[in-house]
Amino acid sequence: MATRPADGLRPAYQDDHLEQELAEERTQRVPRVLDRDEETILDVDGAPAYSPVVYTTASTRHLAVRKGQQVVWYIFGVLETLLALRFLLFAVGANWSNPFFMFIAGVTSPFVAPFASLVETPRIGQSTLETGTIFAMIIYLLVAVGLSRLVELLLSRGDV
């Protein structure tokens, strides 16, 4: 057999040998896989081999806890929004004779009254920085968190 030039490649007889081995591998027969013992594929009379799917729903008590908490957060969310509007309107020096301003100030006054004289309220021109409103917002947020936890504790059995 002829060999290839001496350029670092292997001789041609090795290539022929590799090709012959590859051809033998391609035509080699694989032993047949025999069937195992016959098994019952479907057993109509017996119990299923898997556990049935169980759908669980939230208990009524769990739903009551969540709804109670939603009510608490909704009420305090509305109150916090009104207090934030009051703070903003006072900070920008809104017109006292405007009906919207009068409505917001009238609705939120009972909620701000306990905190109004807590610290001094700074004024610059017509703008008023109502620190009492800020304190009211913080305190009412803490009350909302406390009430939400209280609702959870009272309506749950300890599994929430």
C-alpha atoms as a PDB file:
ATOM      1  CA  MET A   1       0.000   0.000   0.000  1.00  0.00           C
ATOM      2  CA  ALA A   2       1.060   3.462  -0.710  1.00  0.00           C
ATOM      3  CA  THR A   3       1.727   5.925   2.018  1.00  0.00           C
ATOM      4  CA  ARG A   4       1.004   9.581   2.070  1.00  0.00           C
ATOM      5  CA  PRO A   5       3.700  12.187   1.892  1.00  0.00           C
ATOM      6  CA  ALA A   6       5.629  12.914   5.057  1.00  0.00           C
ATOM      7  CA  ASP A   7       3.587  15.931   6.104  1.00  0.00           C
ATOM      8  CA  GLY A   8       2.795  14.621   9.574  1.00  0.00           C
ATOM      9  CA  LEU A   9      -0.342  12.744   8.542  1.00  0.00           C
ATOM     10  CA  ARG A  10      -0.862   9.052   9.129  1.00  0.00           C
ATOM     11  CA  PRO A  11      -0.322   6.551   6.342  1.00  0.00           C
ATOM     12  CA  ALA A  12      -3.190   5.559   4.050  1.00  0.00           C
ATOM     13  CA  TYR A  13      -3.259   1.945   5.286  1.00  0.00           C
ATOM     14  CA  GLN A  14      -4.332   3.216   8.739  1.00  0.00           C
ATOM     15  CA  ASP A  15      -7.223   5.146   7.150  1.00  0.00           C
ATOM     16  CA  ASP A  16      -8.315   1.976   5.337  1.00  0.00           C
ATOM     17  CA  HIS A  17      -8.172   0.046   8.592  1.00  0.00           C
ATOM     18  CA  LEU A  18     -10.335   2.668  10.410  1.00  0.00           C
ATOM     19  CA  GLU A  19     -12.886   2.690   7.601  1.00  0.00           C
ATOM     20  CA  GLN A  20     -13.149  -1.093   7.766  1.00  0.00           C
ATOM     21  CA  GLU A  21     -13.735  -0.996  11.549  1.00  0.00           C
ATOM     22  CA  LEU A  22     -16.428   1.664  11.151  1.00  0.00           C
ATOM     23  CA  ALA A  23     -18.161  -0.420   8.477  1.00  0.00           C
ATOM     24  CA  GLU A  24     -18.147  -3.431  10.790  1.00  0.00           C
ATOM     25  CA  GLU A  25     -19.651  -1.380  13.633  1.00  0.00           C
ATOM     26  CA  ARG A  26     -22.431  -0.112  11.409  1.00  0.00           C
ATOM     27  CA  THR A  27     -23.441  -3.595  10.288  1.00  0.00           C
ATOM     28  CA  GLN A  28     -23.044  -5.313  13.624  1.00  0.00           C
ATOM     29  CA  ARG A  29     -26.287  -6.859  14.838  1.00  0.00           C
ATOM     30  CA  VAL A  30     -27.729  -5.917  18.171  1.00  0.00           C
ATOM     31  CA  PRO A  31     -29.199  -8.793  20.176  1.00  0.00           C
ATOM     32  CA  ARG A  32     -32.971  -8.775  20.273  1.00  0.00           C
ATOM     33  CA  VAL A  33     -34.606  -7.569  23.440  1.00  0.00           C
ATOM     34  CA  LEU A  34     -36.929 -10.239  24.682  1.00  0.00           C
ATOM     35  CA  ASP A  35     -40.287  -9.363  26.211  1.00  0.00           C
ATOM     36  CA  ARG A  36     -40.495  -9.757  29.944  1.00  0.00           C
ATOM     37  CA  ASP A  37     -43.201 -11.751  31.593  1.00  0.00           C
ATOM     38  CA  GLU A  38     -46.630 -10.618  30.654  1.00  0.00           C
ATOM     39  CA  GLU A  39     -47.904  -8.026  33.092  1.00  0.00           C
ATOM     40  CA  THR A  40     -51.418  -6.815  33.582  1.00  0.00           C
ATOM     41  CA  ILE A  41     -51.550  -3.441  31.952  1.00  0.00           C
ATOM     42  CA  LEU A  42     -55.010  -2.445  33.105  1.00  0.00           C
ATOM     43  CA  ASP A  43     -56.599  -3.742  36.271  1.00  0.00           C
ATOM     44  CA  VAL A  44     -60.233  -2.696  36.175  1.00  0.00           C
ATOM     45  CA  ASP A  45     -61.236  -4.446  39.373  1.00  0.00           C
ATOM     46  CA  GLY A  46     -58.377  -3.338  41.630  1.00  0.00           C
ATOM     47  CA  ALA A  47     -57.613  -0.026  43.262  1.00  0.00           C
ATOM     48  CA  PRO A  48     -55.647   2.516  41.265  1.00  0.00           C
ATOM     49  CA  ALA A  49     -51.877   2.323  41.587  1.00  0.00           C
ATOM     50  CA  TYR A  50     -51.685   6.070  42.220  1.00  0.00           C
ATOM     51  CA  SER A  51     -53.250   8.227  44.862  1.00  0.00           C
ATOM     52  CA  PRO A  52     -56.244  10.212  43.682  1.00  0.00           C
ATOM     53  CA  VAL A  53     -55.871  13.968  43.222  1.00  0.00           C
ATOM     54  CA  VAL A  54     -57.222  15.884  46.170  1.00  0.00           C
ATOM     55  CA  TYR A  55     -58.236  19.474  45.628  1.00  0.00           C
ATOM     56  CA  THR A  56     -57.961  21.571  48.730  1.00  0.00           C
ATOM     57  CA  THR A  57     -59.741  24.841  49.165  1.00  0.00           C
ATOM     58  CA  ALA A  58     -59.169  27.514  51.711  1.00  0.00           C
ATOM     59  CA  SER A  59     -61.239  27.006  54.797  1.00  0.00           C
ATOM     60  CA  THR A  60     -64.071  29.362  55.617  1.00  0.00           C
ATOM     61  CA  ARG A  61     -62.145  30.531  58.649  1.00  0.00           C
ATOM     62  CA  HIS A  62     -59.103  31.325  56.516  1.00  0.00           C
ATOM     63  CA  LEU A  63     -61.273  33.312  54.101  1.00  0.00           C
ATOM     64  CA  ALA A  64     -62.868  35.200  56.996  1.00  0.00           C
ATOM     65  CA  VAL A  65     -59.422  36.176  58.257  1.00  0.00           C
ATOM     66  CA  ARG A  66     -58.378  37.474  54.853  1.00  0.00           C
ATOM     67  CA  LYS A  67     -61.625  39.362  54.299  1.00  0.00           C
ATOM     68  CA  GLY A  68     -61.384  40.902  57.774  1.00  0.00           C
ATOM     69  CA  GLN A  69     -57.861  42.066  57.053  1.00  0.00           C
ATOM     70  CA  GLN A  70     -58.935  43.464  53.688  1.00  0.00           C
ATOM     71  CA  VAL A  71     -61.672  45.499  55.370  1.00  0.00           C
ATOM     72  CA  VAL A  72     -59.210  46.890  57.928  1.00  0.00           C
ATOM     73  CA  TRP A  73     -56.676  47.848  55.261  1.00  0.00           C
ATOM     74  CA  TYR A  74     -59.346  49.365  53.013  1.00  0.00           C
ATOM     75  CA  ILE A  75     -60.709  51.619  55.771  1.00  0.00           C
ATOM     76  CA  PHE A  76     -57.270  52.730  56.890  1.00  0.00           C
ATOM     77  CA  GLY A  77     -56.127  53.149  53.285  1.00  0.00           C
ATOM     78  CA  VAL A  78     -58.942  55.605  52.655  1.00  0.00           C
ATOM     79  CA  LEU A  79     -58.135  57.448  55.911  1.00  0.00           C
ATOM     80  CA  GLU A  80     -54.409  57.619  55.075  1.00  0.00           C
ATOM     81  CA  THR A  81     -55.210  58.938  51.589  1.00  0.00           C
ATOM     82  CA  LEU A  82     -57.428  61.685  53.001  1.00  0.00           C
ATOM     83  CA  LEU A  83     -54.748  62.625  55.538  1.00  0.00           C
ATOM     84  CA  ALA A  84     -52.100  62.748  52.813  1.00  0.00           C
ATOM     85  CA  LEU A  85     -54.348  65.034  50.742  1.00  0.00           C
ATOM     86  CA  ARG A  86     -54.851  67.262  53.775  1.00  0.00           C
ATOM     87  CA  PHE A  87     -51.098  67.472  54.367  1.00  0.00           C
ATOM     88  CA  LEU A  88     -50.440  68.258  50.708  1.00  0.00           C
ATOM     89  CA  LEU A  89     -53.170  70.913  50.490  1.00  0.00           C
ATOM     90  CA  PHE A  90     -51.925  72.660  53.633  1.00  0.00           C
ATOM     91  CA  ALA A  91     -48.295  72.427  52.428  1.00  0.00           C
ATOM     92  CA  VAL A  92     -49.015  74.141  49.111  1.00  0.00           C
ATOM     93  CA  GLY A  93     -51.195  76.803  50.767  1.00  0.00           C
ATOM     94  CA  ALA A  94     -54.531  75.855  49.202  1.00  0.00           C
ATOM     95  CA  ASN A  95     -57.427  78.329  49.188  1.00  0.00           C
ATOM     96  CA  TRP A  96     -59.482  77.977  52.384  1.00  0.00           C
ATOM     97  CA  SER A  97     -62.692  78.938  50.617  1.00  0.00           C
ATOM     98  CA  ASN A  98     -62.443  76.122  48.042  1.00  0.00           C
ATOM     99  CA  PRO A  99     -65.196  73.497  48.609  1.00  0.00           C
ATOM    100  CA  PHE A 100     -62.826  70.558  48.024  1.00  0.00           C
ATOM    101  CA  PHE A 101     -60.338  71.913  50.555  1.00  0.00           C
ATOM    102  CA  MET A 102     -63.147  72.537  53.037  1.00  0.00           C
ATOM    103  CA  PHE A 103     -64.408  68.961  52.541  1.00  0.00           C
ATOM    104  CA  ILE A 104     -60.957  67.376  53.074  1.00  0.00           C
ATOM    105  CA  ALA A 105     -60.217  69.608  56.096  1.00  0.00           C
ATOM    106  CA  GLY A 106     -63.662  68.945  57.613  1.00  0.00           C
ATOM    107  CA  VAL A 107     -63.513  65.153  57.192  1.00  0.00           C
ATOM    108  CA  THR A 108     -59.964  64.793  58.502  1.00  0.00           C
ATOM    109  CA  SER A 109     -60.121  67.312  61.380  1.00  0.00           C
ATOM    110  CA  PRO A 110     -61.458  64.793  63.943  1.00  0.00           C
ATOM    111  CA  PHE A 111     -58.636  62.394  63.077  1.00  0.00           C
ATOM    112  CA  VAL A 112     -55.895  65.045  63.288  1.00  0.00           C
ATOM    113  CA  ALA A 113     -57.243  66.834  66.413  1.00  0.00           C
ATOM    114  CA  PRO A 114     -55.513  64.552  68.989  1.00  0.00           C
ATOM    115  CA  PHE A 115     -52.144  65.233  67.346  1.00  0.00           C
ATOM    116  CA  ALA A 116     -52.590  68.899  66.324  1.00  0.00           C
ATOM    117  CA  SER A 117     -50.937  70.429  69.391  1.00  0.00           C
ATOM    118  CA  LEU A 118     -48.319  67.713  69.821  1.00  0.00           C
ATOM    119  CA  VAL A 119     -45.564  69.798  68.214  1.00  0.00           C
ATOM    120  CA  GLU A 120     -45.428  73.312  66.835  1.00  0.00           C
ATOM    121  CA  THR A 121     -46.738  73.771  63.303  1.00  0.00           C
ATOM    122  CA  PRO A 122     -44.333  75.835  61.154  1.00  0.00           C
ATOM    123  CA  ARG A 123     -45.794  78.341  58.657  1.00  0.00           C
ATOM    124  CA  ILE A 124     -44.179  80.067  55.722  1.00  0.00           C
ATOM    125  CA  GLY A 125     -46.519  82.542  54.044  1.00  0.00           C
ATOM    126  CA  GLN A 126     -49.733  80.680  53.238  1.00  0.00           C
ATOM    127  CA  SER A 127     -48.060  77.251  53.431  1.00  0.00           C
ATOM    128  CA  THR A 128     -48.449  75.255  56.610  1.00  0.00           C
ATOM    129  CA  LEU A 129     -46.392  72.191  57.459  1.00  0.00           C
ATOM    130  CA  GLU A 130     -48.864  70.261  59.586  1.00  0.00           C
ATOM    131  CA  THR A 131     -46.673  67.968  61.646  1.00  0.00           C
ATOM    132  CA  GLY A 132     -49.775  66.813  63.518  1.00  0.00           C
ATOM    133  CA  THR A 133     -51.051  65.269  60.271  1.00  0.00           C
ATOM    134  CA  ILE A 134     -47.748  63.435  59.798  1.00  0.00           C
ATOM    135  CA  PHE A 135     -47.949  62.049  63.346  1.00  0.00           C
ATOM    136  CA  ALA A 136     -51.593  61.072  62.767  1.00  0.00           C
ATOM    137  CA  MET A 137     -50.645  59.165  59.596  1.00  0.00           C
ATOM    138  CA  ILE A 138     -47.896  57.265  61.415  1.00  0.00           C
ATOM    139  CA  ILE A 139     -50.085  56.420  64.411  1.00  0.00           C
ATOM    140  CA  TYR A 140     -53.025  55.316  62.255  1.00  0.00           C
ATOM    141  CA  LEU A 141     -50.704  53.118  60.193  1.00  0.00           C
ATOM    142  CA  LEU A 142     -49.550  51.403  63.375  1.00  0.00           C
ATOM    143  CA  VAL A 143     -53.167  51.019  64.496  1.00  0.00           C
ATOM    144  CA  ALA A 144     -54.012  49.414  61.130  1.00  0.00           C
ATOM    145  CA  VAL A 145     -51.155  46.921  61.484  1.00  0.00           C
ATOM    146  CA  GLY A 146     -52.281  46.097  65.026  1.00  0.00           C
ATOM    147  CA  LEU A 147     -55.936  45.654  64.048  1.00  0.00           C
ATOM    148  CA  SER A 148     -54.976  43.476  61.090  1.00  0.00           C
ATOM    149  CA  ARG A 149     -52.978  41.165  63.374  1.00  0.00           C
ATOM    150  CA  LEU A 150     -55.783  41.179  65.946  1.00  0.00           C
ATOM    151  CA  VAL A 151     -58.314  40.096  63.304  1.00  0.00           C
ATOM    152  CA  GLU A 152     -55.941  37.305  62.278  1.00  0.00           C
ATOM    153  CA  LEU A 153     -55.467  36.147  65.852  1.00  0.00           C
ATOM    154  CA  LEU A 154     -59.184  36.245  66.726  1.00  0.00           C
ATOM    155  CA  LEU A 155     -60.480  34.554  63.580  1.00  0.00           C
ATOM    156  CA  SER A 156     -57.778  31.936  63.041  1.00  0.00           C
ATOM    157  CA  ARG A 157     -57.178  28.746  64.985  1.00  0.00           C
ATOM    158  CA  GLY A 158     -53.461  29.277  65.005  1.00  0.00           C
ATOM    159  CA  ASP A 159     -52.931  27.568  61.641  1.00  0.00           C
ATOM    160  CA  VAL A 160     -52.507  30.783  59.652  1.00  0.00           C
END
